[in-house]
Amino acid sequence: MSTITVYTYANCDSCRRAVKWLRAQRLVFVEKPIRETPPSATELKAMLAVQGGELRKLFNTSGLDYRAQGLGAKLSTMIEADALRLLAGNGNLVKRPFLWRAPDQVGLVGFDEALWSAALLTT
């Protein structure tokens, strides 16, 4: 049986829409607060693979923490392990909502209803 975990932030409109959509589809999921409980390094590494190795896709590039740390300029030269450690240690940096379904390795970041439908309702 597949387990869906979705990391959200309560004040995030996209997160609220994603959770509402998951409930409307009657999908069983575990919701975790992304700031207090960021995705693990293992989940982040697996998500990175699903996202074609593009580190930028895992980062909340519009967030204050991202801008305050100047990550826009640093990300292109950052070592993958360092980037994953940074994300695992600071949920504010992680693109949300962040959905992981194991064991079939379905990973989605950000909420796009069409993409979520294709990934979660047809597999």
PDB file of N, CA and C in Angstrom:
ATOM      1  N   MET A   1       0.830  -1.183   0.000  1.00  0.00           N
ATOM      2  CA  MET A   1       0.000   0.000   0.000  1.00  0.00           C
ATOM      3  C   MET A   1       0.875   1.247   0.000  1.00  0.00           C
ATOM      4  N   SER A   2       0.501   2.212  -0.799  1.00  0.00           N
ATOM      5  CA  SER A   2       1.251   3.459  -0.901  1.00  0.00           C
ATOM      6  C   SER A   2       0.907   4.397   0.246  1.00  0.00           C
ATOM      7  N   THR A   3       1.916   5.067   0.746  1.00  0.00           N
ATOM      8  CA  THR A   3       1.730   6.043   1.797  1.00  0.00           C
ATOM      9  C   THR A   3       2.049   7.428   1.243  1.00  0.00           C
ATOM     10  N   ILE A   4       1.096   8.343   1.337  1.00  0.00           N
ATOM     11  CA  ILE A   4       1.299   9.718   0.883  1.00  0.00           C
ATOM     12  C   ILE A   4       1.612  10.577   2.100  1.00  0.00           C
ATOM     13  N   THR A   5       2.715  11.302   2.003  1.00  0.00           N
ATOM     14  CA  THR A   5       3.067  12.292   3.014  1.00  0.00           C
ATOM     15  C   THR A   5       3.129  13.635   2.305  1.00  0.00           C
ATOM     16  N   VAL A   6       2.441  14.618   2.875  1.00  0.00           N
ATOM     17  CA  VAL A   6       2.465  15.955   2.283  1.00  0.00           C
ATOM     18  C   VAL A   6       2.906  16.938   3.359  1.00  0.00           C
ATOM     19  N   TYR A   7       3.955  17.678   3.032  1.00  0.00           N
ATOM     20  CA  TYR A   7       4.491  18.695   3.925  1.00  0.00           C
ATOM     21  C   TYR A   7       3.876  20.027   3.528  1.00  0.00           C
ATOM     22  N   THR A   8       3.303  20.718   4.506  1.00  0.00           N
ATOM     23  CA  THR A   8       2.585  21.964   4.226  1.00  0.00           C
ATOM     24  C   THR A   8       2.942  23.035   5.249  1.00  0.00           C
ATOM     25  N   TYR A   9       2.547  24.248   4.918  1.00  0.00           N
ATOM     26  CA  TYR A   9       2.654  25.385   5.823  1.00  0.00           C
ATOM     27  C   TYR A   9       1.246  25.965   5.929  1.00  0.00           C
ATOM     28  N   ALA A  10       0.774  26.152   7.143  1.00  0.00           N
ATOM     29  CA  ALA A  10      -0.622  26.552   7.387  1.00  0.00           C
ATOM     30  C   ALA A  10      -1.014  27.855   6.686  1.00  0.00           C
ATOM     31  N   ASN A  11      -0.097  28.792   6.527  1.00  0.00           N
ATOM     32  CA  ASN A  11      -0.421  30.079   5.906  1.00  0.00           C
ATOM     33  C   ASN A  11      -0.184  30.105   4.395  1.00  0.00           C
ATOM     34  N   CYS A  12       0.010  28.961   3.806  1.00  0.00           N
ATOM     35  CA  CYS A  12       0.306  28.852   2.371  1.00  0.00           C
ATOM     36  C   CYS A  12      -0.973  28.486   1.608  1.00  0.00           C
ATOM     37  N   ASP A  13      -1.397  29.373   0.715  1.00  0.00           N
ATOM     38  CA  ASP A  13      -2.608  29.118  -0.079  1.00  0.00           C
ATOM     39  C   ASP A  13      -2.480  27.863  -0.926  1.00  0.00           C
ATOM     40  N   SER A  14      -1.337  27.665  -1.553  1.00  0.00           N
ATOM     41  CA  SER A  14      -1.133  26.470  -2.383  1.00  0.00           C
ATOM     42  C   SER A  14      -1.243  25.198  -1.550  1.00  0.00           C
ATOM     43  N   CYS A  15      -0.718  25.251  -0.344  1.00  0.00           N
ATOM     44  CA  CYS A  15      -0.793  24.086   0.554  1.00  0.00           C
ATOM     45  C   CYS A  15      -2.246  23.794   0.921  1.00  0.00           C
ATOM     46  N   ARG A  16      -2.997  24.831   1.238  1.00  0.00           N
ATOM     47  CA  ARG A  16      -4.409  24.631   1.597  1.00  0.00           C
ATOM     48  C   ARG A  16      -5.197  24.067   0.418  1.00  0.00           C
ATOM     49  N   ARG A  17      -4.925  24.570  -0.786  1.00  0.00           N
ATOM     50  CA  ARG A  17      -5.602  24.047  -1.981  1.00  0.00           C
ATOM     51  C   ARG A  17      -5.222  22.587  -2.213  1.00  0.00           C
ATOM     52  N   ALA A  18      -3.966  22.252  -2.016  1.00  0.00           N
ATOM     53  CA  ALA A  18      -3.494  20.877  -2.213  1.00  0.00           C
ATOM     54  C   ALA A  18      -4.178  19.920  -1.239  1.00  0.00           C
ATOM     55  N   VAL A  19      -4.247  20.294   0.030  1.00  0.00           N
ATOM     56  CA  VAL A  19      -4.885  19.445   1.037  1.00  0.00           C
ATOM     57  C   VAL A  19      -6.377  19.303   0.736  1.00  0.00           C
ATOM     58  N   LYS A  20      -7.008  20.384   0.362  1.00  0.00           N
ATOM     59  CA  LYS A  20      -8.437  20.340   0.002  1.00  0.00           C
ATOM     60  C   LYS A  20      -8.642  19.393  -1.181  1.00  0.00           C
ATOM     61  N   TRP A  21      -7.756  19.461  -2.166  1.00  0.00           N
ATOM     62  CA  TRP A  21      -7.844  18.602  -3.346  1.00  0.00           C
ATOM     63  C   TRP A  21      -7.645  17.134  -2.948  1.00  0.00           C
ATOM     64  N   LEU A  22      -6.638  16.851  -2.124  1.00  0.00           N
ATOM     65  CA  LEU A  22      -6.386  15.482  -1.675  1.00  0.00           C
ATOM     66  C   LEU A  22      -7.618  14.909  -0.976  1.00  0.00           C
ATOM     67  N   ARG A  23      -8.231  15.718  -0.119  1.00  0.00           N
ATOM     68  CA  ARG A  23      -9.435  15.263   0.594  1.00  0.00           C
ATOM     69  C   ARG A  23     -10.592  15.033  -0.375  1.00  0.00           C
ATOM     70  N   ALA A  24     -10.754  15.926  -1.348  1.00  0.00           N
ATOM     71  CA  ALA A  24     -11.830  15.783  -2.332  1.00  0.00           C
ATOM     72  C   ALA A  24     -11.663  14.508  -3.152  1.00  0.00           C
ATOM     73  N   GLN A  25     -10.417  14.086  -3.359  1.00  0.00           N
ATOM     74  CA  GLN A  25     -10.139  12.858  -4.113  1.00  0.00           C
ATOM     75  C   GLN A  25     -10.221  11.621  -3.218  1.00  0.00           C
ATOM     76  N   ARG A  26     -10.462  11.850  -1.943  1.00  0.00           N
ATOM     77  CA  ARG A  26     -10.523  10.779  -0.943  1.00  0.00           C
ATOM     78  C   ARG A  26      -9.222   9.971  -0.854  1.00  0.00           C
ATOM     79  N   LEU A  27      -8.121  10.688  -1.011  1.00  0.00           N
ATOM     80  CA  LEU A  27      -6.811  10.058  -0.873  1.00  0.00           C
ATOM     81  C   LEU A  27      -6.389  10.135   0.592  1.00  0.00           C
ATOM     82  N   VAL A  28      -5.874   9.049   1.097  1.00  0.00           N
ATOM     83  CA  VAL A  28      -5.403   8.999   2.476  1.00  0.00           C
ATOM     84  C   VAL A  28      -3.977   9.544   2.496  1.00  0.00           C
ATOM     85  N   PHE A  29      -3.729  10.472   3.414  1.00  0.00           N
ATOM     86  CA  PHE A  29      -2.403  11.071   3.480  1.00  0.00           C
ATOM     87  C   PHE A  29      -2.089  11.491   4.910  1.00  0.00           C
ATOM     88  N   VAL A  30      -0.804  11.676   5.145  1.00  0.00           N
ATOM     89  CA  VAL A  30      -0.316  12.204   6.407  1.00  0.00           C
ATOM     90  C   VAL A  30       0.189  13.603   6.109  1.00  0.00           C
ATOM     91  N   GLU A  31      -0.297  14.576   6.865  1.00  0.00           N
ATOM     92  CA  GLU A  31       0.142  15.963   6.685  1.00  0.00           C
ATOM     93  C   GLU A  31       1.138  16.313   7.779  1.00  0.00           C
ATOM     94  N   LYS A  32       2.257  16.909   7.368  1.00  0.00           N
ATOM     95  CA  LYS A  32       3.290  17.308   8.323  1.00  0.00           C
ATOM     96  C   LYS A  32       3.592  18.791   8.136  1.00  0.00           C
ATOM     97  N   PRO A  33       3.807  19.505   9.235  1.00  0.00           N
ATOM     98  CA  PRO A  33       4.161  20.921   9.131  1.00  0.00           C
ATOM     99  C   PRO A  33       5.612  21.064   8.657  1.00  0.00           C
ATOM    100  N   ILE A  34       5.792  21.676   7.502  1.00  0.00           N
ATOM    101  CA  ILE A  34       7.107  21.717   6.864  1.00  0.00           C
ATOM    102  C   ILE A  34       8.141  22.519   7.649  1.00  0.00           C
ATOM    103  N   ARG A  35       7.698  23.555   8.346  1.00  0.00           N
ATOM    104  CA  ARG A  35       8.654  24.355   9.122  1.00  0.00           C
ATOM    105  C   ARG A  35       9.180  23.583  10.329  1.00  0.00           C
ATOM    106  N   GLU A  36       8.301  22.899  11.025  1.00  0.00           N
ATOM    107  CA  GLU A  36       8.691  22.171  12.225  1.00  0.00           C
ATOM    108  C   GLU A  36       9.289  20.800  11.912  1.00  0.00           C
ATOM    109  N   THR A  37       8.841  20.204  10.821  1.00  0.00           N
ATOM    110  CA  THR A  37       9.275  18.852  10.447  1.00  0.00           C
ATOM    111  C   THR A  37       9.601  18.830   8.951  1.00  0.00           C
ATOM    112  N   PRO A  38      10.756  19.371   8.558  1.00  0.00           N
ATOM    113  CA  PRO A  38      11.098  19.359   7.135  1.00  0.00           C
ATOM    114  C   PRO A  38      11.278  17.934   6.617  1.00  0.00           C
ATOM    115  N   PRO A  39      11.171  17.759   5.307  1.00  0.00           N
ATOM    116  CA  PRO A  39      11.449  16.433   4.742  1.00  0.00           C
ATOM    117  C   PRO A  39      12.856  15.976   5.128  1.00  0.00           C
ATOM    118  N   SER A  40      13.010  14.679   5.257  1.00  0.00           N
ATOM    119  CA  SER A  40      14.313  14.117   5.626  1.00  0.00           C
ATOM    120  C   SER A  40      15.281  14.214   4.441  1.00  0.00           C
ATOM    121  N   ALA A  41      16.545  14.060   4.740  1.00  0.00           N
ATOM    122  CA  ALA A  41      17.557  14.062   3.681  1.00  0.00           C
ATOM    123  C   ALA A  41      17.280  12.949   2.673  1.00  0.00           C
ATOM    124  N   THR A  42      16.801  11.814   3.153  1.00  0.00           N
ATOM    125  CA  THR A  42      16.473  10.691   2.268  1.00  0.00           C
ATOM    126  C   THR A  42      15.332  11.064   1.321  1.00  0.00           C
ATOM    127  N   GLU A  43      14.274  11.674   1.872  1.00  0.00           N
ATOM    128  CA  GLU A  43      13.145  12.108   1.031  1.00  0.00           C
ATOM    129  C   GLU A  43      13.586  13.181   0.032  1.00  0.00           C
ATOM    130  N   LEU A  44      14.402  14.104   0.488  1.00  0.00           N
ATOM    131  CA  LEU A  44      14.874  15.180  -0.393  1.00  0.00           C
ATOM    132  C   LEU A  44      15.725  14.621  -1.534  1.00  0.00           C
ATOM    133  N   LYS A  45      16.596  13.671  -1.219  1.00  0.00           N
ATOM    134  CA  LYS A  45      17.439  13.069  -2.260  1.00  0.00           C
ATOM    135  C   LYS A  45      16.582  12.316  -3.277  1.00  0.00           C
ATOM    136  N   ALA A  46      15.581  11.593  -2.788  1.00  0.00           N
ATOM    137  CA  ALA A  46      14.681  10.877  -3.694  1.00  0.00           C
ATOM    138  C   ALA A  46      13.874  11.861  -4.542  1.00  0.00           C
ATOM    139  N   MET A  47      13.403  12.947  -3.918  1.00  0.00           N
ATOM    140  CA  MET A  47      12.651  13.965  -4.656  1.00  0.00           C
ATOM    141  C   MET A  47      13.531  14.616  -5.715  1.00  0.00           C
ATOM    142  N   LEU A  48      14.779  14.849  -5.380  1.00  0.00           N
ATOM    143  CA  LEU A  48      15.716  15.440  -6.336  1.00  0.00           C
ATOM    144  C   LEU A  48      15.831  14.565  -7.577  1.00  0.00           C
ATOM    145  N   ALA A  49      15.908  13.266  -7.386  1.00  0.00           N
ATOM    146  CA  ALA A  49      15.985  12.341  -8.522  1.00  0.00           C
ATOM    147  C   ALA A  49      14.724  12.430  -9.374  1.00  0.00           C
ATOM    148  N   VAL A  50      13.554  12.482  -8.720  1.00  0.00           N
ATOM    149  CA  VAL A  50      12.281  12.583  -9.439  1.00  0.00           C
ATOM    150  C   VAL A  50      12.203  13.901 -10.220  1.00  0.00           C
ATOM    151  N   GLN A  51      12.813  14.951  -9.680  1.00  0.00           N
ATOM    152  CA  GLN A  51      12.794  16.267 -10.316  1.00  0.00           C
ATOM    153  C   GLN A  51      13.943  16.445 -11.311  1.00  0.00           C
ATOM    154  N   GLY A  52      14.527  15.352 -11.739  1.00  0.00           N
ATOM    155  CA  GLY A  52      15.568  15.412 -12.764  1.00  0.00           C
ATOM    156  C   GLY A  52      16.886  15.995 -12.299  1.00  0.00           C
ATOM    157  N   GLY A  53      17.124  15.959 -10.992  1.00  0.00           N
ATOM    158  CA  GLY A  53      18.390  16.461 -10.470  1.00  0.00           C
ATOM    159  C   GLY A  53      18.485  17.970 -10.366  1.00  0.00           C
ATOM    160  N   GLU A  54      17.383  18.660 -10.568  1.00  0.00           N
ATOM    161  CA  GLU A  54      17.385  20.131 -10.522  1.00  0.00           C
ATOM    162  C   GLU A  54      17.140  20.621  -9.097  1.00  0.00           C
ATOM    163  N   LEU A  55      18.214  20.983  -8.411  1.00  0.00           N
ATOM    164  CA  LEU A  55      18.129  21.434  -7.026  1.00  0.00           C
ATOM    165  C   LEU A  55      17.163  22.600  -6.851  1.00  0.00           C
ATOM    166  N   ARG A  56      17.174  23.515  -7.790  1.00  0.00           N
ATOM    167  CA  ARG A  56      16.340  24.713  -7.691  1.00  0.00           C
ATOM    168  C   ARG A  56      14.861  24.365  -7.498  1.00  0.00           C
ATOM    169  N   LYS A  57      14.417  23.240  -8.074  1.00  0.00           N
ATOM    170  CA  LYS A  57      13.011  22.838  -7.958  1.00  0.00           C
ATOM    171  C   LYS A  57      12.613  22.492  -6.525  1.00  0.00           C
ATOM    172  N   LEU A  58      13.580  22.199  -5.675  1.00  0.00           N
ATOM    173  CA  LEU A  58      13.284  21.847  -4.292  1.00  0.00           C
ATOM    174  C   LEU A  58      13.232  23.061  -3.374  1.00  0.00           C
ATOM    175  N   PHE A  59      13.713  24.191  -3.847  1.00  0.00           N
ATOM    176  CA  PHE A  59      13.808  25.384  -3.015  1.00  0.00           C
ATOM    177  C   PHE A  59      12.614  26.315  -3.185  1.00  0.00           C
ATOM    178  N   ASN A  60      12.188  26.899  -2.072  1.00  0.00           N
ATOM    179  CA  ASN A  60      11.168  27.941  -2.061  1.00  0.00           C
ATOM    180  C   ASN A  60      11.879  29.241  -2.429  1.00  0.00           C
ATOM    181  N   THR A  61      12.031  29.482  -3.717  1.00  0.00           N
ATOM    182  CA  THR A  61      12.836  30.605  -4.199  1.00  0.00           C
ATOM    183  C   THR A  61      12.208  31.969  -3.931  1.00  0.00           C
ATOM    184  N   SER A  62      10.946  32.007  -3.557  1.00  0.00           N
ATOM    185  CA  SER A  62      10.316  33.289  -3.247  1.00  0.00           C
ATOM    186  C   SER A  62      10.312  33.575  -1.746  1.00  0.00           C
ATOM    187  N   GLY A  63      10.868  32.661  -0.961  1.00  0.00           N
ATOM    188  CA  GLY A  63      10.860  32.810   0.486  1.00  0.00           C
ATOM    189  C   GLY A  63      11.909  33.772   1.012  1.00  0.00           C
ATOM    190  N   LEU A  64      11.630  34.331   2.183  1.00  0.00           N
ATOM    191  CA  LEU A  64      12.544  35.272   2.826  1.00  0.00           C
ATOM    192  C   LEU A  64      13.877  34.628   3.177  1.00  0.00           C
ATOM    193  N   ASP A  65      13.846  33.393   3.675  1.00  0.00           N
ATOM    194  CA  ASP A  65      15.090  32.718   4.054  1.00  0.00           C
ATOM    195  C   ASP A  65      15.994  32.508   2.834  1.00  0.00           C
ATOM    196  N   TYR A  66      15.397  32.144   1.723  1.00  0.00           N
ATOM    197  CA  TYR A  66      16.148  31.923   0.479  1.00  0.00           C
ATOM    198  C   TYR A  66      16.860  33.212   0.062  1.00  0.00           C
ATOM    199  N   ARG A  67      16.112  34.306   0.078  1.00  0.00           N
ATOM    200  CA  ARG A  67      16.685  35.594  -0.329  1.00  0.00           C
ATOM    201  C   ARG A  67      17.706  36.101   0.685  1.00  0.00           C
ATOM    202  N   ALA A  68      17.394  35.953   1.981  1.00  0.00           N
ATOM    203  CA  ALA A  68      18.300  36.442   3.024  1.00  0.00           C
ATOM    204  C   ALA A  68      19.659  35.744   2.964  1.00  0.00           C
ATOM    205  N   GLN A  69      19.676  34.486   2.563  1.00  0.00           N
ATOM    206  CA  GLN A  69      20.930  33.736   2.474  1.00  0.00           C
ATOM    207  C   GLN A  69      21.614  33.879   1.121  1.00  0.00           C
ATOM    208  N   GLY A  70      20.999  34.636   0.219  1.00  0.00           N
ATOM    209  CA  GLY A  70      21.591  34.836  -1.104  1.00  0.00           C
ATOM    210  C   GLY A  70      21.727  33.553  -1.892  1.00  0.00           C
ATOM    211  N   LEU A  71      20.786  32.640  -1.715  1.00  0.00           N
ATOM    212  CA  LEU A  71      20.905  31.327  -2.355  1.00  0.00           C
ATOM    213  C   LEU A  71      20.725  31.376  -3.864  1.00  0.00           C
ATOM    214  N   GLY A  72      20.058  32.394  -4.363  1.00  0.00           N
ATOM    215  CA  GLY A  72      19.903  32.516  -5.811  1.00  0.00           C
ATOM    216  C   GLY A  72      21.249  32.538  -6.518  1.00  0.00           C
ATOM    217  N   ALA A  73      22.211  33.226  -5.931  1.00  0.00           N
ATOM    218  CA  ALA A  73      23.549  33.329  -6.521  1.00  0.00           C
ATOM    219  C   ALA A  73      24.415  32.113  -6.198  1.00  0.00           C
ATOM    220  N   LYS A  74      24.133  31.439  -5.095  1.00  0.00           N
ATOM    221  CA  LYS A  74      24.975  30.330  -4.629  1.00  0.00           C
ATOM    222  C   LYS A  74      24.550  28.964  -5.148  1.00  0.00           C
ATOM    223  N   LEU A  75      23.277  28.821  -5.483  1.00  0.00           N
ATOM    224  CA  LEU A  75      22.721  27.501  -5.767  1.00  0.00           C
ATOM    225  C   LEU A  75      23.395  26.792  -6.940  1.00  0.00           C
ATOM    226  N   SER A  76      23.753  27.530  -7.972  1.00  0.00           N
ATOM    227  CA  SER A  76      24.318  26.894  -9.167  1.00  0.00           C
ATOM    228  C   SER A  76      25.679  26.242  -8.904  1.00  0.00           C
ATOM    229  N   THR A  77      26.378  26.674  -7.867  1.00  0.00           N
ATOM    230  CA  THR A  77      27.689  26.097  -7.564  1.00  0.00           C
ATOM    231  C   THR A  77      27.687  25.279  -6.272  1.00  0.00           C
ATOM    232  N   MET A  78      26.525  25.162  -5.659  1.00  0.00           N
ATOM    233  CA  MET A  78      26.438  24.451  -4.385  1.00  0.00           C
ATOM    234  C   MET A  78      26.539  22.943  -4.591  1.00  0.00           C
ATOM    235  N   ILE A  79      27.258  22.289  -3.711  1.00  0.00           N
ATOM    236  CA  ILE A  79      27.380  20.840  -3.724  1.00  0.00           C
ATOM    237  C   ILE A  79      26.027  20.262  -3.296  1.00  0.00           C
ATOM    238  N   GLU A  80      25.595  19.213  -3.993  1.00  0.00           N
ATOM    239  CA  GLU A  80      24.289  18.606  -3.725  1.00  0.00           C
ATOM    240  C   GLU A  80      24.096  18.252  -2.252  1.00  0.00           C
ATOM    241  N   ALA A  81      25.077  17.627  -1.646  1.00  0.00           N
ATOM    242  CA  ALA A  81      24.952  17.212  -0.242  1.00  0.00           C
ATOM    243  C   ALA A  81      24.736  18.425   0.671  1.00  0.00           C
ATOM    244  N   ASP A  82      25.416  19.526   0.377  1.00  0.00           N
ATOM    245  CA  ASP A  82      25.254  20.742   1.179  1.00  0.00           C
ATOM    246  C   ASP A  82      23.856  21.322   1.007  1.00  0.00           C
ATOM    247  N   ALA A  83      23.357  21.311  -0.219  1.00  0.00           N
ATOM    248  CA  ALA A  83      22.017  21.832  -0.493  1.00  0.00           C
ATOM    249  C   ALA A  83      20.960  20.990   0.215  1.00  0.00           C
ATOM    250  N   LEU A  84      21.093  19.685   0.162  1.00  0.00           N
ATOM    251  CA  LEU A  84      20.127  18.800   0.819  1.00  0.00           C
ATOM    252  C   LEU A  84      20.172  18.948   2.339  1.00  0.00           C
ATOM    253  N   ARG A  85      21.361  19.126   2.888  1.00  0.00           N
ATOM    254  CA  ARG A  85      21.515  19.339   4.324  1.00  0.00           C
ATOM    255  C   ARG A  85      20.852  20.665   4.733  1.00  0.00           C
ATOM    256  N   LEU A  86      21.014  21.682   3.914  1.00  0.00           N
ATOM    257  CA  LEU A  86      20.397  22.983   4.168  1.00  0.00           C
ATOM    258  C   LEU A  86      18.875  22.868   4.161  1.00  0.00           C
ATOM    259  N   LEU A  87      18.327  22.175   3.172  1.00  0.00           N
ATOM    260  CA  LEU A  87      16.877  21.976   3.072  1.00  0.00           C
ATOM    261  C   LEU A  87      16.337  21.153   4.244  1.00  0.00           C
ATOM    262  N   ALA A  88      17.029  20.079   4.592  1.00  0.00           N
ATOM    263  CA  ALA A  88      16.576  19.211   5.682  1.00  0.00           C
ATOM    264  C   ALA A  88      16.616  19.928   7.025  1.00  0.00           C
ATOM    265  N   GLY A  89      17.444  20.951   7.135  1.00  0.00           N
ATOM    266  CA  GLY A  89      17.577  21.681   8.384  1.00  0.00           C
ATOM    267  C   GLY A  89      16.713  22.919   8.487  1.00  0.00           C
ATOM    268  N   ASN A  90      16.070  23.316   7.386  1.00  0.00           N
ATOM    269  CA  ASN A  90      15.266  24.540   7.400  1.00  0.00           C
ATOM    270  C   ASN A  90      14.071  24.375   6.464  1.00  0.00           C
ATOM    271  N   GLY A  91      12.926  24.007   7.025  1.00  0.00           N
ATOM    272  CA  GLY A  91      11.721  23.792   6.234  1.00  0.00           C
ATOM    273  C   GLY A  91      11.242  25.020   5.482  1.00  0.00           C
ATOM    274  N   ASN A  92      11.653  26.214   5.931  1.00  0.00           N
ATOM    275  CA  ASN A  92      11.279  27.433   5.205  1.00  0.00           C
ATOM    276  C   ASN A  92      11.887  27.480   3.807  1.00  0.00           C
ATOM    277  N   LEU A  93      12.963  26.762   3.619  1.00  0.00           N
ATOM    278  CA  LEU A  93      13.644  26.768   2.321  1.00  0.00           C
ATOM    279  C   LEU A  93      13.033  25.807   1.310  1.00  0.00           C
ATOM    280  N   VAL A  94      12.209  24.877   1.778  1.00  0.00           N
ATOM    281  CA  VAL A  94      11.675  23.814   0.921  1.00  0.00           C
ATOM    282  C   VAL A  94      10.431  24.288   0.175  1.00  0.00           C
ATOM    283  N   LYS A  95      10.399  24.040  -1.114  1.00  0.00           N
ATOM    284  CA  LYS A  95       9.224  24.353  -1.937  1.00  0.00           C
ATOM    285  C   LYS A  95       8.033  23.569  -1.405  1.00  0.00           C
ATOM    286  N   ARG A  96       6.920  24.247  -1.294  1.00  0.00           N
ATOM    287  CA  ARG A  96       5.730  23.606  -0.742  1.00  0.00           C
ATOM    288  C   ARG A  96       4.521  23.844  -1.620  1.00  0.00           C
ATOM    289  N   PRO A  97       3.534  22.986  -1.492  1.00  0.00           N
ATOM    290  CA  PRO A  97       3.562  21.743  -0.748  1.00  0.00           C
ATOM    291  C   PRO A  97       4.551  20.758  -1.359  1.00  0.00           C
ATOM    292  N   PHE A  98       5.018  19.868  -0.526  1.00  0.00           N
ATOM    293  CA  PHE A  98       6.010  18.858  -0.883  1.00  0.00           C
ATOM    294  C   PHE A  98       5.351  17.518  -0.613  1.00  0.00           C
ATOM    295  N   LEU A  99       5.047  16.788  -1.672  1.00  0.00           N
ATOM    296  CA  LEU A  99       4.339  15.512  -1.525  1.00  0.00           C
ATOM    297  C   LEU A  99       5.243  14.363  -1.925  1.00  0.00           C
ATOM    298  N   TRP A 100       5.283  13.346  -1.076  1.00  0.00           N
ATOM    299  CA  TRP A 100       6.056  12.137  -1.367  1.00  0.00           C
ATOM    300  C   TRP A 100       5.161  10.926  -1.145  1.00  0.00           C
ATOM    301  N   ARG A 101       5.128  10.041  -2.143  1.00  0.00           N
ATOM    302  CA  ARG A 101       4.383   8.791  -1.999  1.00  0.00           C
ATOM    303  C   ARG A 101       5.347   7.632  -2.160  1.00  0.00           C
ATOM    304  N   ALA A 102       5.430   6.851  -1.086  1.00  0.00           N
ATOM    305  CA  ALA A 102       6.279   5.667  -1.092  1.00  0.00           C
ATOM    306  C   ALA A 102       5.364   4.444  -1.155  1.00  0.00           C
ATOM    307  N   PRO A 103       5.789   3.354  -1.651  1.00  0.00           N
ATOM    308  CA  PRO A 103       7.144   3.035  -2.097  1.00  0.00           C
ATOM    309  C   PRO A 103       7.374   3.294  -3.583  1.00  0.00           C
ATOM    310  N   ASP A 104       6.373   3.813  -4.276  1.00  0.00           N
ATOM    311  CA  ASP A 104       6.503   3.952  -5.728  1.00  0.00           C
ATOM    312  C   ASP A 104       7.204   5.221  -6.185  1.00  0.00           C
ATOM    313  N   GLN A 105       7.735   6.001  -5.240  1.00  0.00           N
ATOM    314  CA  GLN A 105       8.589   7.138  -5.556  1.00  0.00           C
ATOM    315  C   GLN A 105       7.894   8.207  -6.401  1.00  0.00           C
ATOM    316  N   VAL A 106       6.687   8.582  -6.007  1.00  0.00           N
ATOM    317  CA  VAL A 106       5.999   9.698  -6.649  1.00  0.00           C
ATOM    318  C   VAL A 106       6.317  10.930  -5.825  1.00  0.00           C
ATOM    319  N   GLY A 107       6.881  11.936  -6.462  1.00  0.00           N
ATOM    320  CA  GLY A 107       7.237  13.171  -5.769  1.00  0.00           C
ATOM    321  C   GLY A 107       6.729  14.384  -6.511  1.00  0.00           C
ATOM    322  N   LEU A 108       6.075  15.288  -5.774  1.00  0.00           N
ATOM    323  CA  LEU A 108       5.524  16.506  -6.359  1.00  0.00           C
ATOM    324  C   LEU A 108       5.872  17.686  -5.458  1.00  0.00           C
ATOM    325  N   VAL A 109       6.287  18.789  -6.068  1.00  0.00           N
ATOM    326  CA  VAL A 109       6.525  20.024  -5.323  1.00  0.00           C
ATOM    327  C   VAL A 109       5.704  21.130  -5.960  1.00  0.00           C
ATOM    328  N   GLY A 110       5.128  21.983  -5.116  1.00  0.00           N
ATOM    329  CA  GLY A 110       4.195  22.982  -5.616  1.00  0.00           C
ATOM    330  C   GLY A 110       2.885  22.281  -5.949  1.00  0.00           C
ATOM    331  N   PHE A 111       1.811  23.044  -6.056  1.00  0.00           N
ATOM    332  CA  PHE A 111       0.527  22.417  -6.369  1.00  0.00           C
ATOM    333  C   PHE A 111       0.059  22.821  -7.752  1.00  0.00           C
ATOM    334  N   ASP A 112      -0.073  21.824  -8.606  1.00  0.00           N
ATOM    335  CA  ASP A 112      -0.632  21.977  -9.943  1.00  0.00           C
ATOM    336  C   ASP A 112      -1.636  20.835 -10.081  1.00  0.00           C
ATOM    337  N   GLU A 113      -2.922  21.179 -10.083  1.00  0.00           N
ATOM    338  CA  GLU A 113      -3.962  20.148 -10.054  1.00  0.00           C
ATOM    339  C   GLU A 113      -3.821  19.127 -11.174  1.00  0.00           C
ATOM    340  N   ALA A 114      -3.499  19.580 -12.369  1.00  0.00           N
ATOM    341  CA  ALA A 114      -3.362  18.655 -13.504  1.00  0.00           C
ATOM    342  C   ALA A 114      -2.215  17.667 -13.267  1.00  0.00           C
ATOM    343  N   LEU A 115      -1.084  18.178 -12.790  1.00  0.00           N
ATOM    344  CA  LEU A 115       0.063  17.297 -12.529  1.00  0.00           C
ATOM    345  C   LEU A 115      -0.228  16.335 -11.391  1.00  0.00           C
ATOM    346  N   TRP A 116      -0.867  16.835 -10.350  1.00  0.00           N
ATOM    347  CA  TRP A 116      -1.194  15.977  -9.215  1.00  0.00           C
ATOM    348  C   TRP A 116      -2.191  14.907  -9.633  1.00  0.00           C
ATOM    349  N   SER A 117      -3.175  15.272 -10.441  1.00  0.00           N
ATOM    350  CA  SER A 117      -4.159  14.283 -10.940  1.00  0.00           C
ATOM    351  C   SER A 117      -3.463  13.202 -11.729  1.00  0.00           C
ATOM    352  N   ALA A 118      -2.593  13.606 -12.642  1.00  0.00           N
ATOM    353  CA  ALA A 118      -1.895  12.639 -13.489  1.00  0.00           C
ATOM    354  C   ALA A 118      -1.022  11.696 -12.652  1.00  0.00           C
ATOM    355  N   ALA A 119      -0.363  12.236 -11.631  1.00  0.00           N
ATOM    356  CA  ALA A 119       0.552  11.433 -10.837  1.00  0.00           C
ATOM    357  C   ALA A 119      -0.143  10.563  -9.800  1.00  0.00           C
ATOM    358  N   LEU A 120      -1.239  11.051  -9.236  1.00  0.00           N
ATOM    359  CA  LEU A 120      -1.841  10.345  -8.108  1.00  0.00           C
ATOM    360  C   LEU A 120      -3.112   9.580  -8.430  1.00  0.00           C
ATOM    361  N   LEU A 121      -3.784   9.953  -9.500  1.00  0.00           N
ATOM    362  CA  LEU A 121      -5.057   9.298  -9.795  1.00  0.00           C
ATOM    363  C   LEU A 121      -4.959   8.259 -10.900  1.00  0.00           C
ATOM    364  N   THR A 122      -3.871   8.270 -11.655  1.00  0.00           N
ATOM    365  CA  THR A 122      -3.775   7.341 -12.771  1.00  0.00           C
ATOM    366  C   THR A 122      -2.755   6.232 -12.494  1.00  0.00           C
ATOM    367  N   THR A 123      -2.086   6.290 -11.328  1.00  0.00           N
ATOM    368  CA  THR A 123      -1.083   5.253 -11.032  1.00  0.00           C
ATOM    369  C   THR A 123      -1.518   4.414  -9.866  1.00  0.00           C
TER     370      THR A 123
END
